[in-house]
Amino acid sequence: MKPFYLIAIVFILSGCSSNTIEITGTTKGMDGGVITITGLSGKTYFTEIIKSGGFTINKQTLPAYGYFTLSVLAGDISHDYEIYLEAGKYAIDIPQKDGQYLSIKTDSKIQNNLSAYYNLENSMADKFRREDAMWNARLREPKTQSLPEAEFNVIMDHIAAGKKREHGLTIATIDMFIKKYPQNDIVPHIIGNLDFAKDPEPYYLLYKKLSPQAQNSEEGKQLGQQLHKLVKNQQALN
């Protein structure tokens, strides 16, 4: 998972005003913090204060089924997580370690697929992201700006290599996820939130590995058309 980026949210209207959701959450060392759940437009739908190591959202009506952002503000630190909400119950455990995804118990198939993807991504990228964080921290140190050019360039080279490696890890993670969960239907959404236009061909190859159901979903059709056009244009230039 890319570390707590705000990710584009896609709403799927449920067409039913009676759909309700219940969320219970557990936290550690975050009392007084704030939990918010926001939609695509940035509108906040739910807000709760963390008390006694947890929070509760009791039987609230969902405006729509879809992808939302759950934000945790504790002190001066804010973390954002993509979640999928539909009618039902969710038990959410907020992680204490940076880079980890939420632990979520729910009957939502889409959310369970989303959790599986982010957990797989974390397991593959954790070591490298810790290394990237170290070099980025070095870059922010005041003394770094006065380093000799050669030493400064070493730091910048490591940061550039980390960005390139991140792209490769993303491709590898999606490929492994498709192999492990061939019937999943969230990959079009995952790819759709990435900057695939810069290098469309590997994403198009991944798209072709998806099940017919995923390719023919609303997001799947849109993504397929975009990738096909980008790859065709790229081939014409070459």
C-alpha atoms as a PDB file:
ATOM      1  CA  MET A   1       0.000   0.000   0.000  1.00  0.00           C
ATOM      2  CA  LYS A   2       1.303   3.462  -0.766  1.00  0.00           C
ATOM      3  CA  PRO A   3       1.652   5.066   2.613  1.00  0.00           C
ATOM      4  CA  PHE A   4      -1.608   6.718   3.415  1.00  0.00           C
ATOM      5  CA  TYR A   5      -2.280   8.532   0.195  1.00  0.00           C
ATOM      6  CA  LEU A   6      -5.739   9.942  -0.318  1.00  0.00           C
ATOM      7  CA  ILE A   7      -7.095   7.657  -2.991  1.00  0.00           C
ATOM      8  CA  ALA A   8      -9.840   8.504  -5.499  1.00  0.00           C
ATOM      9  CA  ILE A   9     -13.196   7.132  -4.292  1.00  0.00           C
ATOM     10  CA  VAL A  10     -15.828   5.604  -6.575  1.00  0.00           C
ATOM     11  CA  PHE A  11     -19.443   5.576  -5.426  1.00  0.00           C
ATOM     12  CA  ILE A  12     -21.891   2.876  -6.457  1.00  0.00           C
ATOM     13  CA  LEU A  13     -25.391   4.084  -5.668  1.00  0.00           C
ATOM     14  CA  SER A  14     -27.365   1.562  -3.716  1.00  0.00           C
ATOM     15  CA  GLY A  15     -30.760   3.048  -4.472  1.00  0.00           C
ATOM     16  CA  CYS A  16     -31.967   2.078  -1.009  1.00  0.00           C
ATOM     17  CA  SER A  17     -32.419   4.533   1.859  1.00  0.00           C
ATOM     18  CA  SER A  18     -32.781   1.798   4.506  1.00  0.00           C
ATOM     19  CA  ASN A  19     -29.213   0.502   4.246  1.00  0.00           C
ATOM     20  CA  THR A  20     -27.442   0.962   7.559  1.00  0.00           C
ATOM     21  CA  ILE A  21     -23.924   0.424   8.759  1.00  0.00           C
ATOM     22  CA  GLU A  22     -22.441  -0.248  12.202  1.00  0.00           C
ATOM     23  CA  ILE A  23     -18.753   0.286  12.888  1.00  0.00           C
ATOM     24  CA  THR A  24     -16.847  -0.535  16.059  1.00  0.00           C
ATOM     25  CA  GLY A  25     -13.172   0.328  16.260  1.00  0.00           C
ATOM     26  CA  THR A  26     -10.285  -0.371  18.586  1.00  0.00           C
ATOM     27  CA  THR A  27      -7.218   1.808  19.008  1.00  0.00           C
ATOM     28  CA  LYS A  28      -4.255   1.995  21.347  1.00  0.00           C
ATOM     29  CA  GLY A  29      -2.736   5.187  22.657  1.00  0.00           C
ATOM     30  CA  MET A  30      -4.961   7.414  20.535  1.00  0.00           C
ATOM     31  CA  ASP A  31      -7.578   8.663  23.024  1.00  0.00           C
ATOM     32  CA  GLY A  32      -8.747  12.138  22.084  1.00  0.00           C
ATOM     33  CA  GLY A  33      -7.977  11.491  18.427  1.00  0.00           C
ATOM     34  CA  VAL A  34     -10.572  11.884  15.698  1.00  0.00           C
ATOM     35  CA  ILE A  35     -11.934   9.330  13.233  1.00  0.00           C
ATOM     36  CA  THR A  36     -13.515  10.701  10.057  1.00  0.00           C
ATOM     37  CA  ILE A  37     -14.955   8.950   7.017  1.00  0.00           C
ATOM     38  CA  THR A  38     -15.137  11.058   3.880  1.00  0.00           C
ATOM     39  CA  GLY A  39     -16.432  10.610   0.358  1.00  0.00           C
ATOM     40  CA  LEU A  40     -15.218  11.498  -3.116  1.00  0.00           C
ATOM     41  CA  SER A  41     -16.120  15.169  -2.885  1.00  0.00           C
ATOM     42  CA  GLY A  42     -14.365  15.518   0.450  1.00  0.00           C
ATOM     43  CA  LYS A  43     -17.669  15.586   2.299  1.00  0.00           C
ATOM     44  CA  THR A  44     -17.454  14.115   5.794  1.00  0.00           C
ATOM     45  CA  TYR A  45     -20.112  11.489   6.501  1.00  0.00           C
ATOM     46  CA  PHE A  46     -19.053  10.200   9.916  1.00  0.00           C
ATOM     47  CA  THR A  47     -16.955  11.707  12.715  1.00  0.00           C
ATOM     48  CA  GLU A  48     -16.157  10.120  16.076  1.00  0.00           C
ATOM     49  CA  ILE A  49     -13.820  10.945  18.958  1.00  0.00           C
ATOM     50  CA  ILE A  50     -11.604   8.096  20.166  1.00  0.00           C
ATOM     51  CA  LYS A  51     -12.432   7.309  23.800  1.00  0.00           C
ATOM     52  CA  SER A  52     -11.233   4.522  26.093  1.00  0.00           C
ATOM     53  CA  GLY A  53      -9.281   2.880  23.287  1.00  0.00           C
ATOM     54  CA  GLY A  54     -12.006   2.798  20.695  1.00  0.00           C
ATOM     55  CA  PHE A  55     -14.863   4.399  18.757  1.00  0.00           C
ATOM     56  CA  THR A  56     -18.366   3.430  17.634  1.00  0.00           C
ATOM     57  CA  ILE A  57     -20.594   4.464  14.743  1.00  0.00           C
ATOM     58  CA  ASN A  58     -24.083   3.207  15.596  1.00  0.00           C
ATOM     59  CA  LYS A  59     -26.521   2.240  12.837  1.00  0.00           C
ATOM     60  CA  GLN A  60     -26.029   5.086  10.400  1.00  0.00           C
ATOM     61  CA  THR A  61     -27.613   5.165   6.957  1.00  0.00           C
ATOM     62  CA  LEU A  62     -25.126   4.957   4.102  1.00  0.00           C
ATOM     63  CA  PRO A  63     -25.593   7.517   1.304  1.00  0.00           C
ATOM     64  CA  ALA A  64     -24.227   4.921  -1.131  1.00  0.00           C
ATOM     65  CA  TYR A  65     -22.123   1.804  -1.323  1.00  0.00           C
ATOM     66  CA  GLY A  66     -18.576   2.552  -2.401  1.00  0.00           C
ATOM     67  CA  TYR A  67     -14.999   3.451  -1.616  1.00  0.00           C
ATOM     68  CA  PHE A  68     -14.387   5.947   1.181  1.00  0.00           C
ATOM     69  CA  THR A  69     -11.390   7.306   3.066  1.00  0.00           C
ATOM     70  CA  LEU A  70     -11.106   6.599   6.783  1.00  0.00           C
ATOM     71  CA  SER A  71      -8.808   9.155   8.412  1.00  0.00           C
ATOM     72  CA  VAL A  72      -7.249   8.913  11.855  1.00  0.00           C
ATOM     73  CA  LEU A  73      -5.988  12.158  13.382  1.00  0.00           C
ATOM     74  CA  ALA A  74      -4.037  11.535  16.593  1.00  0.00           C
ATOM     75  CA  GLY A  75      -1.988  14.486  17.796  1.00  0.00           C
ATOM     76  CA  ASP A  76      -0.302  16.109  14.816  1.00  0.00           C
ATOM     77  CA  ILE A  77      -0.252  12.902  12.775  1.00  0.00           C
ATOM     78  CA  SER A  78      -2.956  11.953  10.288  1.00  0.00           C
ATOM     79  CA  HIS A  79      -3.229   8.600   8.535  1.00  0.00           C
ATOM     80  CA  ASP A  80      -5.612   7.846   5.683  1.00  0.00           C
ATOM     81  CA  TYR A  81      -6.885   4.427   4.621  1.00  0.00           C
ATOM     82  CA  GLU A  82      -9.077   3.410   1.721  1.00  0.00           C
ATOM     83  CA  ILE A  83     -12.088   1.336   2.752  1.00  0.00           C
ATOM     84  CA  TYR A  84     -15.171  -0.029   1.029  1.00  0.00           C
ATOM     85  CA  LEU A  85     -18.471   0.411   2.843  1.00  0.00           C
ATOM     86  CA  GLU A  86     -21.788  -1.311   2.314  1.00  0.00           C
ATOM     87  CA  ALA A  87     -24.658  -2.200   4.624  1.00  0.00           C
ATOM     88  CA  GLY A  88     -23.608  -4.392   7.550  1.00  0.00           C
ATOM     89  CA  LYS A  89     -21.213  -4.508  10.477  1.00  0.00           C
ATOM     90  CA  TYR A  90     -17.506  -3.619  10.495  1.00  0.00           C
ATOM     91  CA  ALA A  91     -15.011  -4.208  13.294  1.00  0.00           C
ATOM     92  CA  ILE A  92     -11.907  -2.134  12.621  1.00  0.00           C
ATOM     93  CA  ASP A  93      -8.582  -2.295  14.440  1.00  0.00           C
ATOM     94  CA  ILE A  94      -6.395   0.766  13.797  1.00  0.00           C
ATOM     95  CA  PRO A  95      -2.732  -0.282  13.407  1.00  0.00           C
ATOM     96  CA  GLN A  96      -0.039   1.291  15.557  1.00  0.00           C
ATOM     97  CA  LYS A  97       2.767   0.730  13.075  1.00  0.00           C
ATOM     98  CA  ASP A  98       3.235   3.016  10.082  1.00  0.00           C
ATOM     99  CA  GLY A  99       2.750   1.272   6.753  1.00  0.00           C
ATOM    100  CA  GLN A 100       0.242  -1.300   7.985  1.00  0.00           C
ATOM    101  CA  TYR A 101      -3.325  -1.507   6.771  1.00  0.00           C
ATOM    102  CA  LEU A 102      -6.417  -1.667   8.947  1.00  0.00           C
ATOM    103  CA  SER A 103      -7.497  -5.008  10.369  1.00  0.00           C
ATOM    104  CA  ILE A 104     -11.160  -5.261   9.353  1.00  0.00           C
ATOM    105  CA  LYS A 105     -13.726  -7.953  10.117  1.00  0.00           C
ATOM    106  CA  THR A 106     -16.766  -7.703   7.844  1.00  0.00           C
ATOM    107  CA  ASP A 107     -18.957  -9.728   5.504  1.00  0.00           C
ATOM    108  CA  SER A 108     -18.223  -7.286   2.673  1.00  0.00           C
ATOM    109  CA  LYS A 109     -16.538  -9.252  -0.122  1.00  0.00           C
ATOM    110  CA  ILE A 110     -15.099  -6.121  -1.710  1.00  0.00           C
ATOM    111  CA  GLN A 111     -13.614  -4.869   1.554  1.00  0.00           C
ATOM    112  CA  ASN A 112     -12.115  -8.290   2.259  1.00  0.00           C
ATOM    113  CA  ASN A 113     -10.519  -8.238  -1.208  1.00  0.00           C
ATOM    114  CA  LEU A 114      -9.240  -4.729  -0.533  1.00  0.00           C
ATOM    115  CA  SER A 115      -7.714  -5.857   2.781  1.00  0.00           C
ATOM    116  CA  ALA A 116      -6.081  -8.834   1.073  1.00  0.00           C
ATOM    117  CA  TYR A 117      -4.523  -6.571  -1.556  1.00  0.00           C
ATOM    118  CA  TYR A 118      -3.117  -3.997   0.867  1.00  0.00           C
ATOM    119  CA  ASN A 119      -1.810  -6.669   3.223  1.00  0.00           C
ATOM    120  CA  LEU A 120      -0.035  -8.381   0.316  1.00  0.00           C
ATOM    121  CA  GLU A 121       1.397  -5.056  -0.819  1.00  0.00           C
ATOM    122  CA  ASN A 122       2.648  -4.295   2.679  1.00  0.00           C
ATOM    123  CA  SER A 123       4.317  -7.684   3.038  1.00  0.00           C
ATOM    124  CA  MET A 124       6.182  -7.213  -0.242  1.00  0.00           C
ATOM    125  CA  ALA A 125       7.163  -3.579   0.187  1.00  0.00           C
ATOM    126  CA  ASP A 126       7.708  -3.094   3.937  1.00  0.00           C
ATOM    127  CA  LYS A 127      11.491  -3.567   3.899  1.00  0.00           C
ATOM    128  CA  PHE A 128      12.021  -1.256   0.944  1.00  0.00           C
ATOM    129  CA  ARG A 129       9.696   1.437   2.265  1.00  0.00           C
ATOM    130  CA  ARG A 130      11.549   1.525   5.560  1.00  0.00           C
ATOM    131  CA  GLU A 131      14.746   2.046   3.579  1.00  0.00           C
ATOM    132  CA  ASP A 132      13.106   4.780   1.482  1.00  0.00           C
ATOM    133  CA  ALA A 133      11.860   6.490   4.642  1.00  0.00           C
ATOM    134  CA  MET A 134      15.413   6.499   6.018  1.00  0.00           C
ATOM    135  CA  TRP A 135      16.836   8.226   2.933  1.00  0.00           C
ATOM    136  CA  ASN A 136      13.992  10.747   2.802  1.00  0.00           C
ATOM    137  CA  ALA A 137      14.583  11.525   6.471  1.00  0.00           C
ATOM    138  CA  ARG A 138      18.271  12.091   5.664  1.00  0.00           C
ATOM    139  CA  LEU A 139      17.258  14.529   2.918  1.00  0.00           C
ATOM    140  CA  ARG A 140      15.141  16.552   5.373  1.00  0.00           C
ATOM    141  CA  GLU A 141      17.965  16.948   7.895  1.00  0.00           C
ATOM    142  CA  PRO A 142      19.206  20.578   7.983  1.00  0.00           C
ATOM    143  CA  LYS A 143      22.836  19.520   7.693  1.00  0.00           C
ATOM    144  CA  THR A 144      22.152  17.663   4.438  1.00  0.00           C
ATOM    145  CA  GLN A 145      22.004  20.895   2.442  1.00  0.00           C
ATOM    146  CA  SER A 146      25.605  21.675   3.383  1.00  0.00           C
ATOM    147  CA  LEU A 147      27.012  18.252   2.480  1.00  0.00           C
ATOM    148  CA  PRO A 148      29.608  17.959  -0.288  1.00  0.00           C
ATOM    149  CA  GLU A 149      27.975  17.493  -3.686  1.00  0.00           C
ATOM    150  CA  ALA A 150      29.083  13.868  -4.003  1.00  0.00           C
ATOM    151  CA  GLU A 151      27.506  12.898  -0.641  1.00  0.00           C
ATOM    152  CA  PHE A 152      24.322  14.824  -1.424  1.00  0.00           C
ATOM    153  CA  ASN A 153      24.043  13.059  -4.791  1.00  0.00           C
ATOM    154  CA  VAL A 154      24.304   9.666  -3.072  1.00  0.00           C
ATOM    155  CA  ILE A 155      21.178  10.510  -1.053  1.00  0.00           C
ATOM    156  CA  MET A 156      19.319  11.724  -4.147  1.00  0.00           C
ATOM    157  CA  ASP A 157      20.323   8.599  -6.081  1.00  0.00           C
ATOM    158  CA  HIS A 158      18.887   6.370  -3.342  1.00  0.00           C
ATOM    159  CA  ILE A 159      15.631   8.364  -3.329  1.00  0.00           C
ATOM    160  CA  ALA A 160      15.333   8.137  -7.133  1.00  0.00           C
ATOM    161  CA  ALA A 161      16.050   4.399  -7.048  1.00  0.00           C
ATOM    162  CA  GLY A 162      13.359   3.975  -4.399  1.00  0.00           C
ATOM    163  CA  LYS A 163      10.746   5.670  -6.597  1.00  0.00           C
ATOM    164  CA  LYS A 164      11.657   3.451  -9.542  1.00  0.00           C
ATOM    165  CA  ARG A 165      11.561   0.349  -7.342  1.00  0.00           C
ATOM    166  CA  GLU A 166       8.140   1.374  -5.992  1.00  0.00           C
ATOM    167  CA  HIS A 167       6.726   1.244  -9.511  1.00  0.00           C
ATOM    168  CA  GLY A 168       8.137  -2.246 -10.067  1.00  0.00           C
ATOM    169  CA  LEU A 169       6.815  -3.440  -6.721  1.00  0.00           C
ATOM    170  CA  THR A 170       3.344  -2.184  -7.564  1.00  0.00           C
ATOM    171  CA  ILE A 171       3.315  -4.129 -10.834  1.00  0.00           C
ATOM    172  CA  ALA A 172       4.605  -7.264  -9.085  1.00  0.00           C
ATOM    173  CA  THR A 173       2.051  -6.957  -6.273  1.00  0.00           C
ATOM    174  CA  ILE A 174      -0.913  -6.626  -8.621  1.00  0.00           C
ATOM    175  CA  ASP A 175       0.332  -9.554 -10.703  1.00  0.00           C
ATOM    176  CA  MET A 176       0.691 -11.755  -7.624  1.00  0.00           C
ATOM    177  CA  PHE A 177      -2.705 -10.659  -6.321  1.00  0.00           C
ATOM    178  CA  ILE A 178      -4.409 -11.605  -9.588  1.00  0.00           C
ATOM    179  CA  LYS A 179      -2.759 -15.042  -9.478  1.00  0.00           C
ATOM    180  CA  LYS A 180      -3.719 -15.563  -5.837  1.00  0.00           C
ATOM    181  CA  TYR A 181      -7.268 -14.213  -6.182  1.00  0.00           C
ATOM    182  CA  PRO A 182      -8.247 -14.792  -9.840  1.00  0.00           C
ATOM    183  CA  GLN A 183     -11.929 -14.007  -9.198  1.00  0.00           C
ATOM    184  CA  ASN A 184     -11.288 -10.671  -7.483  1.00  0.00           C
ATOM    185  CA  ASP A 185     -13.030  -7.597  -8.865  1.00  0.00           C
ATOM    186  CA  ILE A 186     -11.050  -4.745  -7.279  1.00  0.00           C
ATOM    187  CA  VAL A 187      -7.956  -4.609  -9.508  1.00  0.00           C
ATOM    188  CA  PRO A 188      -9.526  -2.187 -12.031  1.00  0.00           C
ATOM    189  CA  HIS A 189     -10.157   0.164  -9.112  1.00  0.00           C
ATOM    190  CA  ILE A 190      -6.595  -0.278  -7.791  1.00  0.00           C
ATOM    191  CA  ILE A 191      -5.016   0.385 -11.205  1.00  0.00           C
ATOM    192  CA  GLY A 192      -7.422   3.256 -11.869  1.00  0.00           C
ATOM    193  CA  ASN A 193      -6.014   5.107  -8.859  1.00  0.00           C
ATOM    194  CA  LEU A 194      -2.428   4.796 -10.100  1.00  0.00           C
ATOM    195  CA  ASP A 195      -0.572   7.035 -12.549  1.00  0.00           C
ATOM    196  CA  PHE A 196      -0.719   4.373 -15.247  1.00  0.00           C
ATOM    197  CA  ALA A 197      -0.536   6.852 -18.131  1.00  0.00           C
ATOM    198  CA  LYS A 198       3.249   7.205 -17.731  1.00  0.00           C
ATOM    199  CA  ASP A 199       3.821   3.507 -18.389  1.00  0.00           C
ATOM    200  CA  PRO A 200       0.564   1.925 -19.620  1.00  0.00           C
ATOM    201  CA  GLU A 201       1.866  -1.295 -21.198  1.00  0.00           C
ATOM    202  CA  PRO A 202       2.562  -3.323 -18.005  1.00  0.00           C
ATOM    203  CA  TYR A 203      -0.822  -2.297 -16.618  1.00  0.00           C
ATOM    204  CA  TYR A 204      -2.505  -3.340 -19.857  1.00  0.00           C
ATOM    205  CA  LEU A 205      -0.847  -6.745 -19.593  1.00  0.00           C
ATOM    206  CA  LEU A 206      -2.174  -7.021 -16.032  1.00  0.00           C
ATOM    207  CA  TYR A 207      -5.627  -5.962 -17.184  1.00  0.00           C
ATOM    208  CA  LYS A 208      -5.672  -8.767 -19.747  1.00  0.00           C
ATOM    209  CA  LYS A 209      -5.090 -11.274 -16.922  1.00  0.00           C
ATOM    210  CA  LEU A 210      -8.276 -10.222 -15.131  1.00  0.00           C
ATOM    211  CA  SER A 211     -11.384 -12.375 -15.115  1.00  0.00           C
ATOM    212  CA  PRO A 212     -14.113 -11.510 -17.649  1.00  0.00           C
ATOM    213  CA  GLN A 213     -16.259 -10.317 -14.735  1.00  0.00           C
ATOM    214  CA  ALA A 214     -13.623  -7.804 -13.618  1.00  0.00           C
ATOM    215  CA  GLN A 215     -12.933  -6.630 -17.173  1.00  0.00           C
ATOM    216  CA  ASN A 216     -16.640  -6.124 -17.843  1.00  0.00           C
ATOM    217  CA  SER A 217     -17.375  -4.217 -14.655  1.00  0.00           C
ATOM    218  CA  GLU A 218     -18.029  -0.484 -15.029  1.00  0.00           C
ATOM    219  CA  GLU A 219     -14.546   0.403 -13.806  1.00  0.00           C
ATOM    220  CA  GLY A 220     -13.059  -2.465 -15.797  1.00  0.00           C
ATOM    221  CA  LYS A 221     -14.554  -1.290 -19.085  1.00  0.00           C
ATOM    222  CA  GLN A 222     -13.376   2.287 -18.560  1.00  0.00           C
ATOM    223  CA  LEU A 223      -9.895   1.175 -17.572  1.00  0.00           C
ATOM    224  CA  GLY A 224      -9.609  -1.211 -20.515  1.00  0.00           C
ATOM    225  CA  GLN A 225     -10.545   1.518 -22.983  1.00  0.00           C
ATOM    226  CA  GLN A 226      -8.058   3.968 -21.476  1.00  0.00           C
ATOM    227  CA  LEU A 227      -5.197   1.479 -21.401  1.00  0.00           C
ATOM    228  CA  HIS A 228      -5.863   0.251 -24.938  1.00  0.00           C
ATOM    229  CA  LYS A 229      -5.792   3.829 -26.252  1.00  0.00           C
ATOM    230  CA  LEU A 230      -2.624   4.732 -24.322  1.00  0.00           C
ATOM    231  CA  VAL A 231      -0.757   1.618 -25.453  1.00  0.00           C
ATOM    232  CA  LYS A 232      -1.857   2.136 -29.063  1.00  0.00           C
ATOM    233  CA  ASN A 233      -0.652   5.739 -28.987  1.00  0.00           C
ATOM    234  CA  GLN A 234       2.638   4.686 -27.417  1.00  0.00           C
ATOM    235  CA  GLN A 235       3.220   2.036 -30.064  1.00  0.00           C
ATOM    236  CA  ALA A 236       2.475   4.570 -32.820  1.00  0.00           C
ATOM    237  CA  LEU A 237       5.162   6.901 -31.431  1.00  0.00           C
ATOM    238  CA  ASN A 238       7.703   4.088 -31.368  1.00  0.00           C
END
